[in-house]
Amino acid sequence: MASNSKHVSLPLAGIRVLELAGLAPGPFAGMVLADFGADVVRVDRYGASFSPDALCRGKRSMSVSLKSTSGVALLKTLLSPPTSCGSSACKCSSKGSTCSCVFPGVWRADVLIDPFRPGVLERLGLGPDVLLQLNPRLIIARLTGFRRDGPYSKMAGHDLNYIALSGVLSLLGRKDEKPYFPANILADFAGGGMMAVLGVLMAVIERGRSGKGQVVEVDMVTGTRYVSSFPLIMSRPSIGLPMWDQPRGQNFLDGGAPWYDVYETADGGYMSLAALENPFYSTFLRTLLPTLSPQLIPSPPPTPSQQMDRDSWPALATFLTTAFRSKTRAEWSSIFMGTDSCCVPVLGREEVDSQGVGVDEPGVELSEEARGGDGGVPAPAPRLTRTPAREAGSLQEGEGYFLSPGRDSRSVLVDAGLEKQVERLVREKVVELGDEEAAKAKL
């Protein structure tokens, strides 16, 4: 991918991001910024032949040895204002590493994404104090799992550990069962990567007023707590509301209420029922009951007036379990389509295309990509009407799901005005060219 000169209409066009290679939250933050037009360069480890990071669309890669002083110096140059000697446009006689010439067109980062544990950048001489002195406009997004201070800060961890310490995991799961976690979505991506994007964008807006960058501190414990504000506040005893005042698995929205749950169908599929408000629950019952054989309906049948009667919930759950098993998912989808019953099918990953169109929608044809059985690549969200993001499907198809380390090392250095230094940096094992670039260099 070339730099963003061809995509000036994208909302983040002109923003340049240096993403230190990591997994999950950092790459996701970089991908979101790239989707909306930022020129994102992933810095891969020198010597790496493959990266398992699949959240790389729209990015470039350069391989740099951070074990060498020259590699660290190169990163400092890319994170500094565009005043470094070495640019082909520089005509000054400075013999040092910096000069007074300014070249706005050369590639220098506006944003650094740091996915490392606390202290790693500082040991490399790339801590925020150093970088912000070099470039006061730089925005440094630092992503950690645990809080940066405290006894866990230097420990290894993953999404499950972070939501465990956040207080949120204790709210998730069925009654009388252990807490259950939603894969690695909540901390890594909602409380981590997306929080980093939000922080970067706020810092960019503020920089427009002050002219100054800053550090964006993101940890996935407090990030998870923030995106989970609703259940954490609603479950406080002092609030006194019945929505979340019971132990785990016994509340309105955590599987405790039978009218807010998932039910298996006759063909092994599932339907989601979320008839929280009484008018919707009334519509659900009016739609459901006439479709059932009389022997399946209890006497007396469930009524809207009983919705909040917790004593009736066990019997209602048994009835709904039996009722949904009487028809296939497709049959139930057809029955509830177009109603305000809040009842829709649970679609498989492979049944939804890039734009969120599912197989259950009548008269709508899935994209060829989704019809192939692999499902659609999620499209960028939200949709901006005047300056939309790039189309995810075409990008992924053209670039593949993985980005080869060092694929764009030469082009990034050229964009940075350092083309005269490429061969030396390669020879000194500071920068590594990708296979394709290395082959071209030998010709």
Protein backbone atom coordinates (compact mmCIF):
# COMPACT_ATOMS: atom_id res chain seq x y z
CA MET A 1 0.00 0.00 0.00
CA ALA A 2 1.22 3.46 -0.81
CA SER A 3 0.98 6.36 1.55
CA ASN A 4 -2.29 8.23 1.93
CA SER A 5 -1.83 10.83 -0.83
CA LYS A 6 -4.45 8.98 -2.87
CA HIS A 7 -6.97 8.99 -0.03
CA VAL A 8 -7.20 12.66 0.95
CA SER A 9 -10.98 12.49 1.29
CA LEU A 10 -10.78 9.95 4.11
CA PRO A 11 -11.46 11.46 7.55
CA LEU A 12 -8.01 10.65 8.98
CA ALA A 13 -6.01 11.38 5.83
CA GLY A 14 -2.71 13.02 6.74
CA ILE A 15 -2.44 11.34 10.15
CA ARG A 16 0.64 9.12 10.33
CA VAL A 17 0.89 6.32 12.85
CA LEU A 18 3.83 4.21 13.95
CA GLU A 19 2.50 0.98 15.46
CA LEU A 20 4.97 -1.17 17.36
CA ALA A 21 4.00 -4.75 16.53
CA GLY A 22 1.90 -6.58 19.08
CA LEU A 23 -1.24 -8.70 19.20
CA ALA A 24 -4.96 -7.91 19.52
CA PRO A 25 -5.61 -4.44 21.04
CA GLY A 26 -2.69 -2.53 19.48
CA PRO A 27 -3.18 -3.97 15.98
CA PHE A 28 -6.94 -3.39 16.25
CA ALA A 29 -6.40 0.26 17.14
CA GLY A 30 -4.02 0.62 14.20
CA MET A 31 -6.47 -1.09 11.84
CA VAL A 32 -9.33 1.22 12.82
CA LEU A 33 -7.15 4.28 12.25
CA ALA A 34 -6.01 2.86 8.88
CA ASP A 35 -9.58 2.04 7.85
CA PHE A 36 -10.47 5.72 8.18
CA GLY A 37 -7.46 6.99 6.29
CA ALA A 38 -4.45 7.17 8.62
CA ASP A 39 -1.13 6.02 7.15
CA VAL A 40 -0.20 3.27 9.60
CA VAL A 41 3.26 1.69 9.58
CA ARG A 42 3.73 -1.43 11.69
CA VAL A 43 7.25 -1.81 13.07
CA ASP A 44 8.11 -5.52 13.07
CA ARG A 45 10.98 -7.27 14.78
CA TYR A 46 14.12 -7.61 12.68
CA GLY A 47 14.47 -11.21 11.53
CA ALA A 48 10.78 -12.09 11.78
CA SER A 49 9.60 -13.94 8.67
CA PHE A 50 5.91 -14.08 9.60
CA SER A 51 3.47 -12.23 11.85
CA PRO A 52 0.24 -13.90 13.05
CA ASP A 53 -1.41 -10.48 13.26
CA ALA A 54 -4.46 -10.56 10.97
CA LEU A 55 -5.64 -7.06 11.92
CA CYS A 56 -3.35 -5.42 9.40
CA ARG A 57 -5.42 -4.24 6.47
CA GLY A 58 -4.44 -0.90 5.03
CA LYS A 59 -1.09 -0.90 6.86
CA ARG A 60 2.54 -1.00 5.80
CA SER A 61 5.35 -2.87 7.53
CA MET A 62 8.98 -2.14 8.15
CA SER A 63 11.39 -4.41 10.04
CA VAL A 64 13.73 -2.63 12.45
CA SER A 65 16.25 -3.97 14.94
CA LEU A 66 15.51 -2.32 18.27
CA LYS A 67 18.50 -4.17 19.72
CA SER A 68 20.81 -1.84 17.84
CA THR A 69 21.45 1.78 18.71
CA SER A 70 21.01 2.65 15.05
CA GLY A 71 17.57 1.02 15.04
CA VAL A 72 16.50 3.02 18.09
CA ALA A 73 17.92 6.16 16.45
CA LEU A 74 15.89 5.44 13.31
CA LEU A 75 12.69 5.22 15.35
CA LYS A 76 13.56 8.49 17.04
CA THR A 77 13.93 10.07 13.63
CA LEU A 78 10.54 8.78 12.49
CA LEU A 79 8.98 10.05 15.73
CA SER A 80 10.63 13.48 15.52
CA PRO A 81 9.48 16.56 13.62
CA PRO A 82 10.56 16.53 9.96
CA THR A 83 13.85 18.33 10.61
CA SER A 84 16.33 15.44 10.49
CA CYS A 85 19.31 15.55 8.19
CA GLY A 86 19.53 12.73 5.69
CA SER A 87 16.58 13.82 3.58
CA SER A 88 17.46 14.20 -0.09
CA ALA A 89 15.83 17.62 0.09
CA CYS A 90 18.19 18.81 2.83
CA LYS A 91 20.75 21.33 1.56
CA CYS A 92 22.23 22.42 4.88
CA SER A 93 25.82 21.74 5.90
CA SER A 94 25.02 20.22 9.28
CA LYS A 95 27.18 17.27 10.19
CA GLY A 96 24.94 16.19 13.08
CA SER A 97 21.72 14.24 13.19
CA THR A 98 19.46 17.29 13.15
CA CYS A 99 19.24 20.54 11.30
CA SER A 100 17.03 23.59 11.14
CA CYS A 101 15.48 22.67 7.78
CA VAL A 102 11.81 21.65 7.93
CA PHE A 103 10.28 19.32 5.33
CA PRO A 104 6.54 18.88 6.02
CA GLY A 105 6.22 16.40 3.17
CA VAL A 106 8.51 13.74 4.62
CA TRP A 107 7.04 10.90 6.66
CA ARG A 108 7.06 11.52 10.40
CA ALA A 109 4.65 10.00 12.89
CA ASP A 110 1.84 11.93 14.55
CA VAL A 111 0.97 8.94 16.73
CA LEU A 112 2.92 6.11 18.35
CA ILE A 113 1.09 2.96 19.46
CA ASP A 114 3.01 1.24 22.27
CA PRO A 115 1.73 -2.27 23.15
CA PHE A 116 4.59 -3.20 25.47
CA ARG A 117 4.67 -3.79 29.21
CA PRO A 118 5.59 -0.84 31.43
CA GLY A 119 9.28 0.02 31.23
CA VAL A 120 10.11 -1.52 27.85
CA LEU A 121 10.22 1.74 25.88
CA GLU A 122 12.05 3.46 28.73
CA ARG A 123 14.79 0.82 28.64
CA LEU A 124 15.16 1.44 24.90
CA GLY A 125 15.54 5.16 25.49
CA LEU A 126 12.15 5.77 23.86
CA GLY A 127 10.12 6.75 26.90
CA PRO A 128 7.49 9.49 26.68
CA ASP A 129 9.78 12.02 28.39
CA VAL A 130 12.41 11.53 25.67
CA LEU A 131 9.99 11.42 22.74
CA LEU A 132 7.91 14.41 23.79
CA GLN A 133 11.07 16.45 24.23
CA LEU A 134 12.07 15.50 20.68
CA ASN A 135 8.59 16.14 19.31
CA PRO A 136 6.15 18.04 21.53
CA ARG A 137 3.32 17.36 19.04
CA LEU A 138 3.65 13.58 19.26
CA ILE A 139 0.71 11.54 20.62
CA ILE A 140 1.79 8.37 22.42
CA ALA A 141 -0.91 5.73 22.97
CA ARG A 142 0.30 3.27 25.60
CA LEU A 143 -1.64 0.03 25.95
CA THR A 144 -1.23 -2.19 28.98
CA GLY A 145 -3.35 -4.99 30.36
CA PHE A 146 -3.12 -4.28 34.06
CA ARG A 147 -2.96 -0.77 35.49
CA ARG A 148 0.43 0.83 34.92
CA ASP A 149 0.90 1.16 38.66
CA GLY A 150 0.20 -1.40 41.37
CA PRO A 151 1.32 -4.99 42.08
CA TYR A 152 0.13 -6.46 38.76
CA SER A 153 1.82 -3.90 36.50
CA LYS A 154 4.90 -5.99 35.65
CA MET A 155 3.05 -9.33 35.43
CA ALA A 156 1.99 -11.19 32.30
CA GLY A 157 -1.73 -11.40 31.65
CA HIS A 158 -4.49 -11.72 29.06
CA ASP A 159 -8.04 -10.50 28.46
CA LEU A 160 -9.56 -12.96 30.96
CA ASN A 161 -7.24 -11.76 33.73
CA TYR A 162 -8.05 -8.10 33.06
CA ILE A 163 -11.83 -8.54 33.12
CA ALA A 164 -11.41 -10.66 36.25
CA LEU A 165 -9.77 -7.73 38.07
CA SER A 166 -12.23 -5.21 36.60
CA GLY A 167 -15.18 -6.56 38.59
CA VAL A 168 -17.07 -7.23 35.35
CA LEU A 169 -16.37 -10.95 35.01
CA SER A 170 -18.15 -11.58 38.32
CA LEU A 171 -21.38 -10.33 36.69
CA LEU A 172 -21.25 -12.68 33.69
CA GLY A 173 -22.56 -16.24 33.68
CA ARG A 174 -25.48 -18.45 34.62
CA LYS A 175 -27.00 -18.89 38.05
CA ASP A 176 -25.08 -21.31 40.27
CA GLU A 177 -22.32 -21.62 37.64
CA LYS A 178 -18.84 -20.16 37.47
CA PRO A 179 -18.39 -16.75 35.78
CA TYR A 180 -18.19 -17.05 32.01
CA PHE A 181 -16.14 -14.77 29.78
CA PRO A 182 -17.05 -13.50 26.26
CA ALA A 183 -13.89 -14.78 24.52
CA ASN A 184 -11.30 -11.97 24.40
CA ILE A 185 -13.64 -9.30 23.11
CA LEU A 186 -14.34 -7.23 26.20
CA ALA A 187 -10.86 -6.24 27.44
CA ASP A 188 -8.69 -6.63 24.34
CA PHE A 189 -10.95 -4.82 21.93
CA ALA A 190 -13.66 -2.81 23.73
CA GLY A 191 -11.66 -1.82 26.82
CA GLY A 192 -8.29 -1.82 25.06
CA GLY A 193 -8.06 -1.22 21.32
CA MET A 194 -11.18 0.91 20.91
CA MET A 195 -10.31 2.94 24.00
CA ALA A 196 -6.93 3.63 22.41
CA VAL A 197 -8.62 4.86 19.22
CA LEU A 198 -10.92 7.10 21.24
CA GLY A 199 -7.99 8.51 23.20
CA VAL A 200 -5.91 9.14 20.08
CA LEU A 201 -8.75 10.97 18.33
CA MET A 202 -9.41 13.15 21.38
CA ALA A 203 -5.70 13.95 21.62
CA VAL A 204 -5.60 14.85 17.91
CA ILE A 205 -8.55 17.21 18.36
CA GLU A 206 -6.96 18.82 21.42
CA ARG A 207 -3.63 19.18 19.62
CA GLY A 208 -5.42 21.25 17.02
CA ARG A 209 -6.10 23.83 19.75
CA SER A 210 -2.92 23.65 21.82
CA GLY A 211 -0.35 22.51 19.27
CA LYS A 212 0.85 19.94 21.81
CA GLY A 213 0.78 16.16 21.91
CA GLN A 214 0.41 14.03 25.02
CA VAL A 215 0.41 10.49 26.39
CA VAL A 216 -2.81 8.47 26.05
CA GLU A 217 -2.75 5.92 28.86
CA VAL A 218 -4.96 2.88 28.26
CA ASP A 219 -5.14 -0.10 30.56
CA MET A 220 -7.64 -2.86 29.94
CA VAL A 221 -8.82 -3.14 33.55
CA THR A 222 -10.13 0.42 33.77
CA GLY A 223 -11.05 0.41 30.07
CA THR A 224 -13.26 -2.63 30.63
CA ARG A 225 -14.84 -0.96 33.64
CA TYR A 226 -15.62 2.15 31.59
CA VAL A 227 -17.36 0.31 28.74
CA SER A 228 -19.22 -1.71 31.40
CA SER A 229 -20.46 1.37 33.26
CA PHE A 230 -24.12 0.42 32.81
CA PRO A 231 -24.08 -2.95 34.61
CA LEU A 232 -21.53 -1.78 37.19
CA ILE A 233 -23.72 1.19 38.12
CA MET A 234 -27.09 -0.52 37.78
CA SER A 235 -25.99 -3.39 40.05
CA ARG A 236 -25.09 -1.10 42.94
CA PRO A 237 -27.45 -1.80 45.87
CA SER A 238 -27.73 1.94 46.54
CA ILE A 239 -29.40 2.40 43.13
CA GLY A 240 -32.36 0.31 44.23
CA LEU A 241 -33.55 -0.73 40.75
CA PRO A 242 -34.72 -4.30 40.02
CA MET A 243 -32.92 -4.67 36.69
CA TRP A 244 -29.63 -5.85 38.20
CA ASP A 245 -30.21 -6.25 41.93
CA GLN A 246 -29.79 -10.03 42.16
CA PRO A 247 -26.76 -12.36 42.10
CA ARG A 248 -25.17 -13.39 38.79
CA GLY A 249 -27.53 -15.08 36.33
CA GLN A 250 -30.74 -13.93 38.07
CA ASN A 251 -31.27 -10.49 36.56
CA PHE A 252 -33.07 -9.04 33.58
CA LEU A 253 -30.12 -8.93 31.16
CA ASP A 254 -27.80 -11.73 32.29
CA GLY A 255 -29.90 -14.79 31.47
CA GLY A 256 -32.02 -14.68 34.59
CA ALA A 257 -35.19 -13.54 32.82
CA PRO A 258 -36.71 -16.09 30.41
CA TRP A 259 -37.84 -13.31 28.05
CA TYR A 260 -34.19 -12.24 27.60
CA ASP A 261 -32.38 -15.41 26.60
CA VAL A 262 -31.33 -17.74 23.79
CA TYR A 263 -33.37 -20.81 22.83
CA GLU A 264 -32.58 -23.87 20.74
CA THR A 265 -34.74 -24.66 17.72
CA ALA A 266 -35.85 -27.96 16.17
CA ASP A 267 -32.91 -28.10 13.76
CA GLY A 268 -30.22 -27.31 16.32
CA GLY A 269 -30.20 -23.60 15.54
CA TYR A 270 -30.91 -20.83 18.04
CA MET A 271 -33.20 -17.83 18.43
CA SER A 272 -32.44 -14.78 20.55
CA LEU A 273 -35.31 -13.33 22.57
CA ALA A 274 -34.92 -9.86 24.11
CA ALA A 275 -38.49 -8.73 24.84
CA LEU A 276 -37.44 -6.49 27.72
CA GLU A 277 -40.16 -3.85 27.54
CA ASN A 278 -43.73 -4.96 28.23
CA PRO A 279 -45.19 -3.78 24.89
CA PHE A 280 -42.59 -5.86 23.05
CA TYR A 281 -43.23 -8.83 25.32
CA SER A 282 -46.94 -8.50 24.57
CA THR A 283 -46.22 -8.53 20.85
CA PHE A 284 -43.99 -11.55 21.28
CA LEU A 285 -46.70 -13.55 23.03
CA ARG A 286 -49.34 -12.51 20.51
CA THR A 287 -47.06 -13.67 17.71
CA LEU A 288 -45.85 -16.87 19.38
CA LEU A 289 -48.95 -18.46 20.89
CA PRO A 290 -51.09 -18.81 17.72
CA THR A 291 -48.28 -20.72 16.00
CA LEU A 292 -48.11 -23.48 18.64
CA SER A 293 -50.15 -26.62 18.92
CA PRO A 294 -52.59 -26.45 21.89
CA GLN A 295 -50.82 -29.20 23.83
CA LEU A 296 -47.66 -27.08 24.05
CA ILE A 297 -49.42 -24.10 25.65
CA PRO A 298 -49.77 -24.23 29.45
CA SER A 299 -53.07 -23.49 31.14
CA PRO A 300 -53.39 -20.69 31.92
CA PRO A 301 -51.07 -19.34 29.18
CA PRO A 302 -48.43 -16.73 29.96
CA THR A 303 -49.65 -13.13 29.90
CA PRO A 304 -47.91 -9.75 29.61
CA SER A 305 -49.04 -8.79 33.12
CA GLN A 306 -46.90 -11.61 34.57
CA GLN A 307 -43.66 -10.54 32.89
CA MET A 308 -42.00 -9.21 36.06
CA ASP A 309 -43.30 -11.96 38.35
CA ARG A 310 -40.08 -13.76 39.21
CA ASP A 311 -42.02 -16.69 40.71
CA SER A 312 -43.40 -17.44 37.24
CA TRP A 313 -40.02 -17.37 35.49
CA PRO A 314 -39.00 -21.04 35.96
CA ALA A 315 -42.26 -22.29 34.41
CA LEU A 316 -42.04 -19.70 31.64
CA ALA A 317 -38.46 -20.74 30.82
CA THR A 318 -39.56 -24.38 30.55
CA PHE A 319 -42.46 -23.45 28.27
CA LEU A 320 -40.31 -21.29 25.98
CA THR A 321 -37.62 -23.96 25.76
CA THR A 322 -40.23 -26.49 24.58
CA ALA A 323 -41.97 -24.00 22.30
CA PHE A 324 -38.86 -22.97 20.37
CA ARG A 325 -37.90 -26.61 19.86
CA SER A 326 -41.12 -27.15 17.94
CA LYS A 327 -39.95 -25.35 14.79
CA THR A 328 -36.74 -24.75 12.86
CA ARG A 329 -34.74 -21.56 13.05
CA ALA A 330 -35.86 -20.60 9.56
CA GLU A 331 -39.51 -21.08 10.49
CA TRP A 332 -39.19 -18.93 13.62
CA SER A 333 -37.27 -16.29 11.67
CA SER A 334 -40.10 -16.06 9.18
CA ILE A 335 -42.73 -15.89 11.92
CA PHE A 336 -41.07 -13.05 13.82
CA MET A 337 -39.73 -11.10 10.82
CA GLY A 338 -41.30 -7.64 10.67
CA THR A 339 -42.75 -7.75 14.20
CA ASP A 340 -41.74 -5.89 17.36
CA SER A 341 -41.21 -9.16 19.21
CA CYS A 342 -37.44 -8.62 19.66
CA CYS A 343 -36.86 -12.17 18.48
CA VAL A 344 -34.28 -12.86 15.76
CA PRO A 345 -32.08 -15.81 14.74
CA VAL A 346 -28.57 -16.44 16.02
CA LEU A 347 -26.54 -16.40 12.81
CA GLY A 348 -23.23 -18.15 12.34
CA ARG A 349 -20.11 -16.23 11.44
CA GLU A 350 -20.28 -17.65 7.93
CA GLU A 351 -23.89 -16.48 7.44
CA VAL A 352 -23.22 -12.73 7.59
CA ASP A 353 -21.51 -10.61 4.94
CA SER A 354 -19.23 -7.61 5.33
CA GLN A 355 -22.10 -5.16 5.69
CA GLY A 356 -23.89 -7.19 8.36
CA VAL A 357 -26.47 -8.66 5.96
CA GLY A 358 -27.58 -12.10 7.09
CA VAL A 359 -29.12 -15.13 5.44
CA ASP A 360 -32.40 -14.56 7.28
CA GLU A 361 -33.23 -11.33 5.46
CA PRO A 362 -35.88 -11.98 2.77
CA GLY A 363 -35.23 -10.60 -0.68
CA VAL A 364 -31.60 -9.76 0.09
CA GLU A 365 -28.77 -11.59 -1.61
CA LEU A 366 -25.53 -12.10 0.26
CA SER A 367 -22.27 -10.97 -1.27
CA GLU A 368 -20.24 -13.50 -3.23
CA GLU A 369 -17.67 -13.49 -0.42
CA ALA A 370 -20.25 -14.52 2.17
CA ARG A 371 -21.83 -17.09 -0.15
CA GLY A 372 -18.42 -18.77 -0.36
CA GLY A 373 -18.94 -20.11 3.16
CA ASP A 374 -16.33 -18.04 4.97
CA GLY A 375 -18.52 -15.10 5.92
CA GLY A 376 -17.79 -11.46 5.27
CA VAL A 377 -14.84 -9.48 6.61
CA PRO A 378 -16.33 -6.94 9.06
CA ALA A 379 -16.70 -3.53 7.46
CA PRO A 380 -15.42 -0.41 9.25
CA ALA A 381 -17.92 1.26 11.55
CA PRO A 382 -19.42 3.77 12.02
CA ARG A 383 -20.49 4.80 8.52
CA LEU A 384 -19.65 8.39 7.68
CA THR A 385 -21.87 9.74 4.92
CA ARG A 386 -19.51 12.31 3.37
CA THR A 387 -16.07 10.88 4.17
CA PRO A 388 -16.58 7.13 4.63
CA ALA A 389 -13.90 4.62 5.49
CA ARG A 390 -12.22 2.41 2.95
CA GLU A 391 -14.09 -0.72 1.91
CA ALA A 392 -12.82 -3.60 4.02
CA GLY A 393 -13.61 -6.39 1.59
CA SER A 394 -11.63 -5.02 -1.34
CA LEU A 395 -8.67 -4.15 0.85
CA GLN A 396 -8.53 -7.61 2.40
CA GLU A 397 -8.86 -9.31 -0.96
CA GLY A 398 -6.06 -7.26 -2.46
CA GLU A 399 -3.64 -7.54 0.45
CA GLY A 400 -4.43 -10.88 2.04
CA TYR A 401 -5.03 -11.43 5.73
CA PHE A 402 -1.40 -11.15 6.83
CA LEU A 403 1.27 -8.52 6.35
CA SER A 404 4.79 -9.76 5.68
CA PRO A 405 7.30 -8.18 8.07
CA GLY A 406 9.47 -5.65 6.27
CA ARG A 407 7.36 -5.65 3.11
CA ASP A 408 7.43 -1.86 2.91
CA SER A 409 10.71 -1.00 4.65
CA ARG A 410 12.16 0.67 1.59
CA SER A 411 9.05 2.67 0.69
CA VAL A 412 8.69 3.96 4.26
CA LEU A 413 12.33 5.08 4.34
CA VAL A 414 11.91 6.76 0.96
CA ASP A 415 8.77 8.55 2.17
CA ALA A 416 10.76 9.61 5.24
CA GLY A 417 13.37 11.24 3.01
CA LEU A 418 15.99 8.66 4.00
CA GLU A 419 16.42 6.94 0.65
CA LYS A 420 20.17 7.62 0.64
CA GLN A 421 20.51 5.64 3.87
CA VAL A 422 18.59 2.52 2.83
CA GLU A 423 21.54 0.44 1.65
CA ARG A 424 23.63 1.32 4.69
CA LEU A 425 20.79 0.49 7.09
CA VAL A 426 20.26 -2.86 5.36
CA ARG A 427 23.98 -3.62 5.28
CA GLU A 428 24.36 -2.84 8.99
CA LYS A 429 21.34 -5.05 9.81
CA VAL A 430 19.35 -2.15 11.20
CA VAL A 431 16.51 -2.53 8.70
CA GLU A 432 15.39 -5.65 6.89
CA LEU A 433 13.66 -5.62 3.53
CA GLY A 434 10.75 -7.95 2.87
CA ASP A 435 11.31 -10.90 0.51
CA GLU A 436 9.92 -9.04 -2.50
CA GLU A 437 11.91 -5.87 -1.80
CA ALA A 438 15.09 -7.87 -1.13
CA ALA A 439 14.71 -9.71 -4.44
CA LYS A 440 14.32 -6.41 -6.30
CA ALA A 441 17.39 -5.02 -4.57
CA LYS A 442 19.52 -7.91 -5.88
CA LEU A 443 18.52 -7.28 -9.49
